[in-house]
Amino acid sequence: MVRDRIARFIEGEGHRVETAAVGDTEELAELVFRTRGQTFSVAVSDADPQRFSLSTAYEVPTEVRDRTQASDALRDVEVDFPETRFTLAHDDTIFIATVEYDALDVEAFLENFWEIVGRLRDSGTGAVERMVDRSESKAAADKFIRQFMKGDR
């Protein structure tokens, strides 16, 4: 099975893997592992053994309280990382970064596995940075307007 091969690979790299079936069949599975303090999920299907989905979650920074700011930042980062899709979740307190990967076979996927993990991590980190930058820019603009209005009175 595809999931067993991927689980053995990740475990061989020194990471503990939890495997769970998704839905009522054994065809679709999710493998969850941690690396560098972050949890990742690999979705695999024996029915489509050349397609893989790798995901991880990030907290939306507390200083980003506006859903529009978060959504706009995620759309901007998707331009820089077109292979990554972002989804806000849990009342917009987190976002999920996902890479869908098509490979010739499981071995081709595993050859690129850590590069995909790295790109996913880079895209998520870039999204958090973009959210904070937007938040700080908005706060600075609001402060400038408040000061300007005080001096104008």
N, C-alpha and C. Protein backbone atom coordinates (compact mmCIF):
# COMPACT_ATOMS: atom_id res chain seq x y z
N MET A 1 0.83 -1.18 0.00
CA MET A 1 0.00 0.00 0.00
C MET A 1 0.87 1.25 0.00
N VAL A 2 0.37 2.28 -0.66
CA VAL A 2 1.10 3.55 -0.79
C VAL A 2 1.37 4.15 0.59
N ARG A 3 0.35 4.18 1.44
CA ARG A 3 0.53 4.81 2.76
C ARG A 3 1.60 4.11 3.58
N ASP A 4 1.69 2.79 3.47
CA ASP A 4 2.70 2.05 4.22
C ASP A 4 4.10 2.41 3.76
N ARG A 5 4.28 2.56 2.44
CA ARG A 5 5.60 2.92 1.91
C ARG A 5 6.00 4.31 2.38
N ILE A 6 5.07 5.25 2.36
CA ILE A 6 5.37 6.62 2.80
C ILE A 6 5.63 6.65 4.30
N ALA A 7 4.83 5.93 5.07
CA ALA A 7 5.03 5.87 6.52
C ALA A 7 6.40 5.31 6.86
N ARG A 8 6.81 4.24 6.18
CA ARG A 8 8.15 3.66 6.43
C ARG A 8 9.24 4.67 6.10
N PHE A 9 9.06 5.41 5.01
CA PHE A 9 10.05 6.41 4.62
C PHE A 9 10.19 7.48 5.71
N ILE A 10 9.06 8.03 6.16
CA ILE A 10 9.10 9.10 7.18
C ILE A 10 9.68 8.56 8.47
N GLU A 11 9.29 7.36 8.88
CA GLU A 11 9.85 6.75 10.09
C GLU A 11 11.34 6.49 9.93
N GLY A 12 11.76 6.10 8.73
CA GLY A 12 13.18 5.89 8.45
C GLY A 12 13.99 7.17 8.56
N GLU A 13 13.32 8.30 8.42
CA GLU A 13 13.96 9.62 8.56
C GLU A 13 13.95 10.08 10.01
N GLY A 14 13.41 9.23 10.91
CA GLY A 14 13.45 9.54 12.34
C GLY A 14 12.22 10.20 12.91
N HIS A 15 11.11 10.14 12.21
CA HIS A 15 9.88 10.79 12.68
C HIS A 15 8.81 9.74 12.96
N ARG A 16 8.05 9.95 14.02
CA ARG A 16 6.93 9.07 14.35
C ARG A 16 5.77 9.43 13.44
N VAL A 17 5.07 8.43 12.94
CA VAL A 17 3.96 8.64 12.02
C VAL A 17 2.70 8.01 12.60
N GLU A 18 1.61 8.77 12.58
CA GLU A 18 0.30 8.25 12.93
C GLU A 18 -0.49 8.14 11.64
N THR A 19 -1.10 6.98 11.43
CA THR A 19 -1.87 6.74 10.21
C THR A 19 -3.33 6.52 10.57
N ALA A 20 -4.21 7.15 9.82
CA ALA A 20 -5.65 6.99 10.04
C ALA A 20 -6.36 6.90 8.70
N ALA A 21 -7.33 6.02 8.63
CA ALA A 21 -8.16 5.94 7.44
C ALA A 21 -9.08 7.15 7.41
N VAL A 22 -9.35 7.64 6.21
CA VAL A 22 -10.26 8.76 6.04
C VAL A 22 -11.54 8.22 5.40
N GLY A 23 -12.64 8.40 6.07
CA GLY A 23 -13.90 7.90 5.55
C GLY A 23 -14.11 6.43 5.90
N ASP A 24 -15.01 5.81 5.17
CA ASP A 24 -15.40 4.44 5.46
C ASP A 24 -14.52 3.38 4.82
N THR A 25 -13.68 3.77 3.87
CA THR A 25 -12.86 2.79 3.18
C THR A 25 -11.41 2.92 3.62
N GLU A 26 -10.66 1.93 3.28
CA GLU A 26 -9.22 1.94 3.59
C GLU A 26 -8.40 2.58 2.45
N GLU A 27 -9.08 2.97 1.37
CA GLU A 27 -8.37 3.52 0.21
C GLU A 27 -7.68 4.83 0.51
N LEU A 28 -8.34 5.71 1.26
CA LEU A 28 -7.82 7.03 1.55
C LEU A 28 -7.30 7.07 2.98
N ALA A 29 -6.08 7.56 3.13
CA ALA A 29 -5.47 7.61 4.47
C ALA A 29 -4.75 8.93 4.67
N GLU A 30 -4.62 9.28 5.94
CA GLU A 30 -3.87 10.47 6.34
C GLU A 30 -2.73 10.02 7.24
N LEU A 31 -1.53 10.47 6.90
CA LEU A 31 -0.35 10.20 7.71
C LEU A 31 0.06 11.50 8.37
N VAL A 32 0.18 11.51 9.67
CA VAL A 32 0.52 12.72 10.41
C VAL A 32 1.88 12.52 11.07
N PHE A 33 2.75 13.53 10.92
CA PHE A 33 4.09 13.47 11.52
C PHE A 33 4.52 14.87 11.90
N ARG A 34 5.52 14.95 12.76
CA ARG A 34 6.09 16.23 13.19
C ARG A 34 7.54 16.31 12.73
N THR A 35 7.91 17.52 12.31
CA THR A 35 9.30 17.80 12.01
C THR A 35 9.57 19.25 12.35
N ARG A 36 10.67 19.50 13.02
CA ARG A 36 11.06 20.86 13.43
C ARG A 36 9.93 21.56 14.18
N GLY A 37 9.23 20.81 15.04
CA GLY A 37 8.20 21.39 15.88
C GLY A 37 6.89 21.68 15.19
N GLN A 38 6.72 21.22 13.97
CA GLN A 38 5.50 21.51 13.22
C GLN A 38 4.87 20.20 12.76
N THR A 39 3.55 20.14 12.81
CA THR A 39 2.81 18.95 12.41
C THR A 39 2.41 19.06 10.94
N PHE A 40 2.63 17.98 10.21
CA PHE A 40 2.28 17.89 8.80
C PHE A 40 1.38 16.69 8.58
N SER A 41 0.60 16.76 7.53
CA SER A 41 -0.31 15.69 7.17
C SER A 41 -0.11 15.35 5.70
N VAL A 42 -0.03 14.06 5.39
CA VAL A 42 0.05 13.60 4.01
C VAL A 42 -1.20 12.78 3.75
N ALA A 43 -1.99 13.20 2.77
CA ALA A 43 -3.17 12.43 2.37
C ALA A 43 -2.79 11.61 1.14
N VAL A 44 -3.06 10.31 1.20
CA VAL A 44 -2.73 9.40 0.10
C VAL A 44 -3.92 8.50 -0.18
N SER A 45 -3.99 8.05 -1.42
CA SER A 45 -5.08 7.17 -1.81
C SER A 45 -4.53 6.02 -2.64
N ASP A 46 -4.91 4.81 -2.28
CA ASP A 46 -4.51 3.66 -3.09
C ASP A 46 -5.24 3.67 -4.43
N ALA A 47 -6.38 4.36 -4.50
CA ALA A 47 -7.12 4.45 -5.76
C ALA A 47 -6.44 5.42 -6.73
N ASP A 48 -5.67 6.38 -6.22
CA ASP A 48 -4.96 7.35 -7.04
C ASP A 48 -3.54 7.48 -6.50
N PRO A 49 -2.70 6.46 -6.69
CA PRO A 49 -1.39 6.39 -6.03
C PRO A 49 -0.34 7.36 -6.56
N GLN A 50 -0.70 8.18 -7.52
CA GLN A 50 0.25 9.16 -8.05
C GLN A 50 -0.06 10.58 -7.58
N ARG A 51 -1.10 10.72 -6.77
CA ARG A 51 -1.51 12.04 -6.28
C ARG A 51 -1.36 12.08 -4.77
N PHE A 52 -0.71 13.14 -4.29
CA PHE A 52 -0.44 13.29 -2.87
C PHE A 52 -0.81 14.70 -2.43
N SER A 53 -1.25 14.82 -1.22
CA SER A 53 -1.61 16.12 -0.66
C SER A 53 -0.88 16.27 0.67
N LEU A 54 -0.08 17.32 0.78
CA LEU A 54 0.70 17.58 1.99
C LEU A 54 0.21 18.89 2.58
N SER A 55 -0.14 18.88 3.88
CA SER A 55 -0.71 20.07 4.53
C SER A 55 -0.09 20.32 5.89
N THR A 56 -0.19 21.57 6.32
CA THR A 56 0.18 21.96 7.68
C THR A 56 -0.64 23.19 8.05
N ALA A 57 -0.76 23.45 9.34
CA ALA A 57 -1.58 24.57 9.81
C ALA A 57 -0.70 25.61 10.51
N TYR A 58 -1.15 26.85 10.42
CA TYR A 58 -0.50 27.98 11.09
C TYR A 58 -1.55 28.79 11.81
N GLU A 59 -1.18 29.37 12.93
CA GLU A 59 -2.08 30.30 13.61
C GLU A 59 -2.03 31.65 12.90
N VAL A 60 -3.18 32.26 12.75
CA VAL A 60 -3.22 33.63 12.26
C VAL A 60 -2.72 34.50 13.41
N PRO A 61 -1.72 35.34 13.18
CA PRO A 61 -1.18 36.17 14.27
C PRO A 61 -2.27 36.98 14.97
N THR A 62 -2.15 37.13 16.28
CA THR A 62 -3.18 37.82 17.05
C THR A 62 -3.35 39.28 16.62
N GLU A 63 -2.30 39.89 16.10
CA GLU A 63 -2.41 41.28 15.67
C GLU A 63 -3.19 41.43 14.36
N VAL A 64 -3.50 40.30 13.73
CA VAL A 64 -4.29 40.32 12.49
C VAL A 64 -5.71 39.93 12.86
N ARG A 65 -6.52 40.92 13.14
CA ARG A 65 -7.89 40.65 13.59
C ARG A 65 -8.90 40.75 12.46
N ASP A 66 -8.48 41.27 11.34
CA ASP A 66 -9.37 41.52 10.23
C ASP A 66 -9.27 40.37 9.22
N ARG A 67 -10.39 39.67 9.00
CA ARG A 67 -10.41 38.55 8.06
C ARG A 67 -9.94 38.99 6.68
N THR A 68 -10.30 40.20 6.28
CA THR A 68 -9.91 40.69 4.96
C THR A 68 -8.40 40.78 4.85
N GLN A 69 -7.75 41.27 5.91
CA GLN A 69 -6.27 41.35 5.89
C GLN A 69 -5.67 39.97 5.71
N ALA A 70 -6.17 39.00 6.46
CA ALA A 70 -5.64 37.64 6.38
C ALA A 70 -5.89 37.06 4.99
N SER A 71 -7.10 37.20 4.48
CA SER A 71 -7.44 36.67 3.15
C SER A 71 -6.59 37.31 2.06
N ASP A 72 -6.44 38.63 2.14
CA ASP A 72 -5.63 39.34 1.14
C ASP A 72 -4.18 38.88 1.18
N ALA A 73 -3.64 38.72 2.38
CA ALA A 73 -2.26 38.26 2.51
C ALA A 73 -2.09 36.86 1.93
N LEU A 74 -3.05 35.98 2.20
CA LEU A 74 -2.96 34.61 1.67
C LEU A 74 -3.03 34.61 0.14
N ARG A 75 -3.89 35.44 -0.43
CA ARG A 75 -3.96 35.53 -1.90
C ARG A 75 -2.64 36.04 -2.47
N ASP A 76 -2.03 37.01 -1.81
CA ASP A 76 -0.74 37.54 -2.28
C ASP A 76 0.33 36.46 -2.25
N VAL A 77 0.36 35.68 -1.20
CA VAL A 77 1.40 34.65 -1.07
C VAL A 77 1.18 33.52 -2.08
N GLU A 78 -0.07 33.27 -2.44
CA GLU A 78 -0.33 32.25 -3.47
C GLU A 78 0.30 32.63 -4.81
N VAL A 79 0.51 33.93 -5.04
CA VAL A 79 1.19 34.36 -6.26
C VAL A 79 2.66 33.95 -6.19
N ASP A 80 3.28 34.12 -5.01
CA ASP A 80 4.69 33.76 -4.83
C ASP A 80 4.90 32.24 -4.75
N PHE A 81 3.90 31.53 -4.26
CA PHE A 81 3.96 30.07 -4.10
C PHE A 81 2.74 29.46 -4.78
N PRO A 82 2.72 29.42 -6.11
CA PRO A 82 1.51 28.98 -6.83
C PRO A 82 1.12 27.52 -6.57
N GLU A 83 2.03 26.73 -6.08
CA GLU A 83 1.70 25.32 -5.80
C GLU A 83 0.96 25.15 -4.47
N THR A 84 0.92 26.21 -3.66
CA THR A 84 0.30 26.14 -2.34
C THR A 84 -1.07 26.78 -2.35
N ARG A 85 -2.02 26.11 -1.72
CA ARG A 85 -3.36 26.67 -1.53
C ARG A 85 -3.55 26.92 -0.04
N PHE A 86 -4.16 28.05 0.29
CA PHE A 86 -4.39 28.44 1.67
C PHE A 86 -5.88 28.48 1.96
N THR A 87 -6.25 28.02 3.15
CA THR A 87 -7.65 28.03 3.57
C THR A 87 -7.73 28.50 5.01
N LEU A 88 -8.52 29.54 5.26
CA LEU A 88 -8.77 29.97 6.63
C LEU A 88 -9.71 28.97 7.29
N ALA A 89 -9.51 28.71 8.58
CA ALA A 89 -10.33 27.73 9.30
C ALA A 89 -10.51 28.15 10.76
N HIS A 90 -11.35 27.43 11.46
CA HIS A 90 -11.60 27.65 12.89
C HIS A 90 -11.84 29.12 13.22
N ASP A 91 -12.90 29.67 12.62
CA ASP A 91 -13.26 31.08 12.84
C ASP A 91 -12.11 32.02 12.49
N ASP A 92 -11.37 31.67 11.45
CA ASP A 92 -10.27 32.49 10.93
C ASP A 92 -9.12 32.65 11.93
N THR A 93 -8.98 31.72 12.86
CA THR A 93 -7.87 31.78 13.81
C THR A 93 -6.65 31.00 13.32
N ILE A 94 -6.86 30.12 12.34
CA ILE A 94 -5.74 29.38 11.74
C ILE A 94 -5.94 29.38 10.23
N PHE A 95 -4.86 29.03 9.53
CA PHE A 95 -4.99 28.76 8.11
C PHE A 95 -4.23 27.48 7.79
N ILE A 96 -4.74 26.77 6.80
CA ILE A 96 -4.14 25.52 6.35
C ILE A 96 -3.43 25.80 5.04
N ALA A 97 -2.18 25.39 4.96
CA ALA A 97 -1.41 25.48 3.72
C ALA A 97 -1.32 24.06 3.15
N THR A 98 -1.65 23.92 1.87
CA THR A 98 -1.68 22.59 1.24
C THR A 98 -1.01 22.62 -0.12
N VAL A 99 -0.20 21.60 -0.37
CA VAL A 99 0.39 21.39 -1.69
C VAL A 99 -0.15 20.07 -2.23
N GLU A 100 -0.74 20.14 -3.41
CA GLU A 100 -1.16 18.94 -4.13
C GLU A 100 0.00 18.57 -5.05
N TYR A 101 0.41 17.31 -5.00
CA TYR A 101 1.60 16.91 -5.76
C TYR A 101 1.27 15.68 -6.59
N ASP A 102 1.53 15.76 -7.89
CA ASP A 102 1.37 14.62 -8.78
C ASP A 102 2.74 14.08 -9.12
N ALA A 103 2.91 12.77 -8.97
CA ALA A 103 4.20 12.13 -9.23
C ALA A 103 3.98 10.91 -10.12
N LEU A 104 5.04 10.47 -10.77
CA LEU A 104 4.95 9.25 -11.58
C LEU A 104 4.60 8.05 -10.71
N ASP A 105 5.18 8.04 -9.51
CA ASP A 105 4.92 6.95 -8.57
C ASP A 105 5.34 7.40 -7.18
N VAL A 106 5.16 6.54 -6.20
CA VAL A 106 5.47 6.91 -4.82
C VAL A 106 6.96 7.20 -4.64
N GLU A 107 7.81 6.50 -5.36
CA GLU A 107 9.26 6.74 -5.23
C GLU A 107 9.63 8.14 -5.70
N ALA A 108 9.02 8.60 -6.78
CA ALA A 108 9.28 9.96 -7.26
C ALA A 108 8.81 10.99 -6.22
N PHE A 109 7.69 10.72 -5.58
CA PHE A 109 7.20 11.61 -4.52
C PHE A 109 8.20 11.65 -3.37
N LEU A 110 8.70 10.49 -2.96
CA LEU A 110 9.62 10.42 -1.82
C LEU A 110 10.95 11.09 -2.14
N GLU A 111 11.38 11.04 -3.40
CA GLU A 111 12.63 11.71 -3.79
C GLU A 111 12.52 13.23 -3.56
N ASN A 112 11.33 13.75 -3.67
CA ASN A 112 11.11 15.20 -3.53
C ASN A 112 10.43 15.57 -2.21
N PHE A 113 10.23 14.60 -1.35
CA PHE A 113 9.42 14.79 -0.14
C PHE A 113 9.90 15.97 0.71
N TRP A 114 11.16 16.02 1.07
CA TRP A 114 11.64 17.07 1.98
C TRP A 114 11.68 18.43 1.29
N GLU A 115 11.86 18.43 -0.02
CA GLU A 115 11.78 19.70 -0.76
C GLU A 115 10.35 20.23 -0.72
N ILE A 116 9.37 19.35 -0.86
CA ILE A 116 7.97 19.76 -0.79
C ILE A 116 7.65 20.28 0.61
N VAL A 117 8.10 19.56 1.63
CA VAL A 117 7.90 20.02 3.02
C VAL A 117 8.52 21.40 3.20
N GLY A 118 9.71 21.60 2.69
CA GLY A 118 10.39 22.90 2.81
C GLY A 118 9.63 24.01 2.11
N ARG A 119 9.14 23.76 0.90
CA ARG A 119 8.36 24.76 0.18
C ARG A 119 7.06 25.08 0.92
N LEU A 120 6.44 24.05 1.48
CA LEU A 120 5.21 24.26 2.23
C LEU A 120 5.48 25.12 3.47
N ARG A 121 6.57 24.82 4.16
CA ARG A 121 6.96 25.61 5.33
C ARG A 121 7.28 27.04 4.93
N ASP A 122 8.01 27.23 3.84
CA ASP A 122 8.34 28.57 3.37
C ASP A 122 7.10 29.37 3.01
N SER A 123 6.15 28.72 2.36
CA SER A 123 4.93 29.44 1.96
C SER A 123 4.11 29.84 3.19
N GLY A 124 4.01 28.94 4.17
CA GLY A 124 3.27 29.26 5.39
C GLY A 124 3.92 30.38 6.19
N THR A 125 5.24 30.32 6.31
CA THR A 125 5.98 31.37 7.01
C THR A 125 5.84 32.69 6.27
N GLY A 126 5.90 32.64 4.94
CA GLY A 126 5.71 33.84 4.15
C GLY A 126 4.33 34.45 4.35
N ALA A 127 3.33 33.59 4.49
CA ALA A 127 1.96 34.08 4.72
C ALA A 127 1.85 34.78 6.07
N VAL A 128 2.44 34.19 7.10
CA VAL A 128 2.40 34.81 8.43
C VAL A 128 3.12 36.16 8.38
N GLU A 129 4.29 36.20 7.75
CA GLU A 129 5.04 37.46 7.65
C GLU A 129 4.23 38.52 6.90
N ARG A 130 3.58 38.11 5.81
CA ARG A 130 2.79 39.06 5.03
C ARG A 130 1.62 39.59 5.85
N MET A 131 0.98 38.72 6.64
CA MET A 131 -0.13 39.17 7.49
C MET A 131 0.35 40.20 8.51
N VAL A 132 1.48 39.92 9.15
CA VAL A 132 2.01 40.83 10.15
C VAL A 132 2.41 42.15 9.50
N ASP A 133 3.07 42.09 8.34
CA ASP A 133 3.46 43.31 7.63
C ASP A 133 2.24 44.17 7.32
N ARG A 134 1.18 43.54 6.82
CA ARG A 134 -0.05 44.28 6.50
C ARG A 134 -0.64 44.90 7.75
N SER A 135 -0.63 44.14 8.84
CA SER A 135 -1.19 44.61 10.10
C SER A 135 -0.39 45.81 10.62
N GLU A 136 0.94 45.71 10.56
CA GLU A 136 1.78 46.80 11.04
C GLU A 136 1.62 48.04 10.15
N SER A 137 1.50 47.83 8.85
CA SER A 137 1.30 48.96 7.94
C SER A 137 -0.02 49.65 8.22
N LYS A 138 -1.06 48.88 8.44
CA LYS A 138 -2.38 49.45 8.73
C LYS A 138 -2.34 50.19 10.07
N ALA A 139 -1.68 49.61 11.08
CA ALA A 139 -1.59 50.26 12.38
C ALA A 139 -0.82 51.58 12.27
N ALA A 140 0.25 51.57 11.50
CA ALA A 140 1.04 52.80 11.31
C ALA A 140 0.21 53.86 10.59
N ALA A 141 -0.54 53.44 9.58
CA ALA A 141 -1.39 54.40 8.86
C ALA A 141 -2.48 54.96 9.77
N ASP A 142 -3.11 54.10 10.57
CA ASP A 142 -4.14 54.56 11.50
C ASP A 142 -3.56 55.55 12.51
N LYS A 143 -2.36 55.27 13.01
CA LYS A 143 -1.71 56.16 13.98
C LYS A 143 -1.41 57.51 13.32
N PHE A 144 -0.91 57.50 12.10
CA PHE A 144 -0.62 58.73 11.39
C PHE A 144 -1.90 59.57 11.23
N ILE A 145 -2.99 58.91 10.83
CA ILE A 145 -4.26 59.63 10.63
C ILE A 145 -4.74 60.23 11.94
N ARG A 146 -4.66 59.45 13.04
CA ARG A 146 -5.08 59.97 14.35
C ARG A 146 -4.25 61.18 14.73
N GLN A 147 -2.92 61.11 14.55
CA GLN A 147 -2.06 62.23 14.90
C GLN A 147 -2.33 63.43 14.01
N PHE A 148 -2.56 63.20 12.75
CA PHE A 148 -2.85 64.27 11.83
C PHE A 148 -4.15 64.97 12.23
N MET A 149 -5.15 64.19 12.57
CA MET A 149 -6.45 64.76 12.95
C MET A 149 -6.33 65.55 14.26
N LYS A 150 -5.53 65.09 15.20
CA LYS A 150 -5.33 65.83 16.46
C LYS A 150 -4.67 67.18 16.19
N GLY A 151 -3.67 67.19 15.31
CA GLY A 151 -2.95 68.42 15.01
C GLY A 151 -3.79 69.38 14.19
N ASP A 152 -4.80 68.87 13.53
CA ASP A 152 -5.65 69.68 12.65
C ASP A 152 -6.72 70.42 13.44
N ARG A 153 -7.01 69.96 14.63
CA ARG A 153 -8.10 70.57 15.42
C ARG A 153 -7.66 71.80 16.12
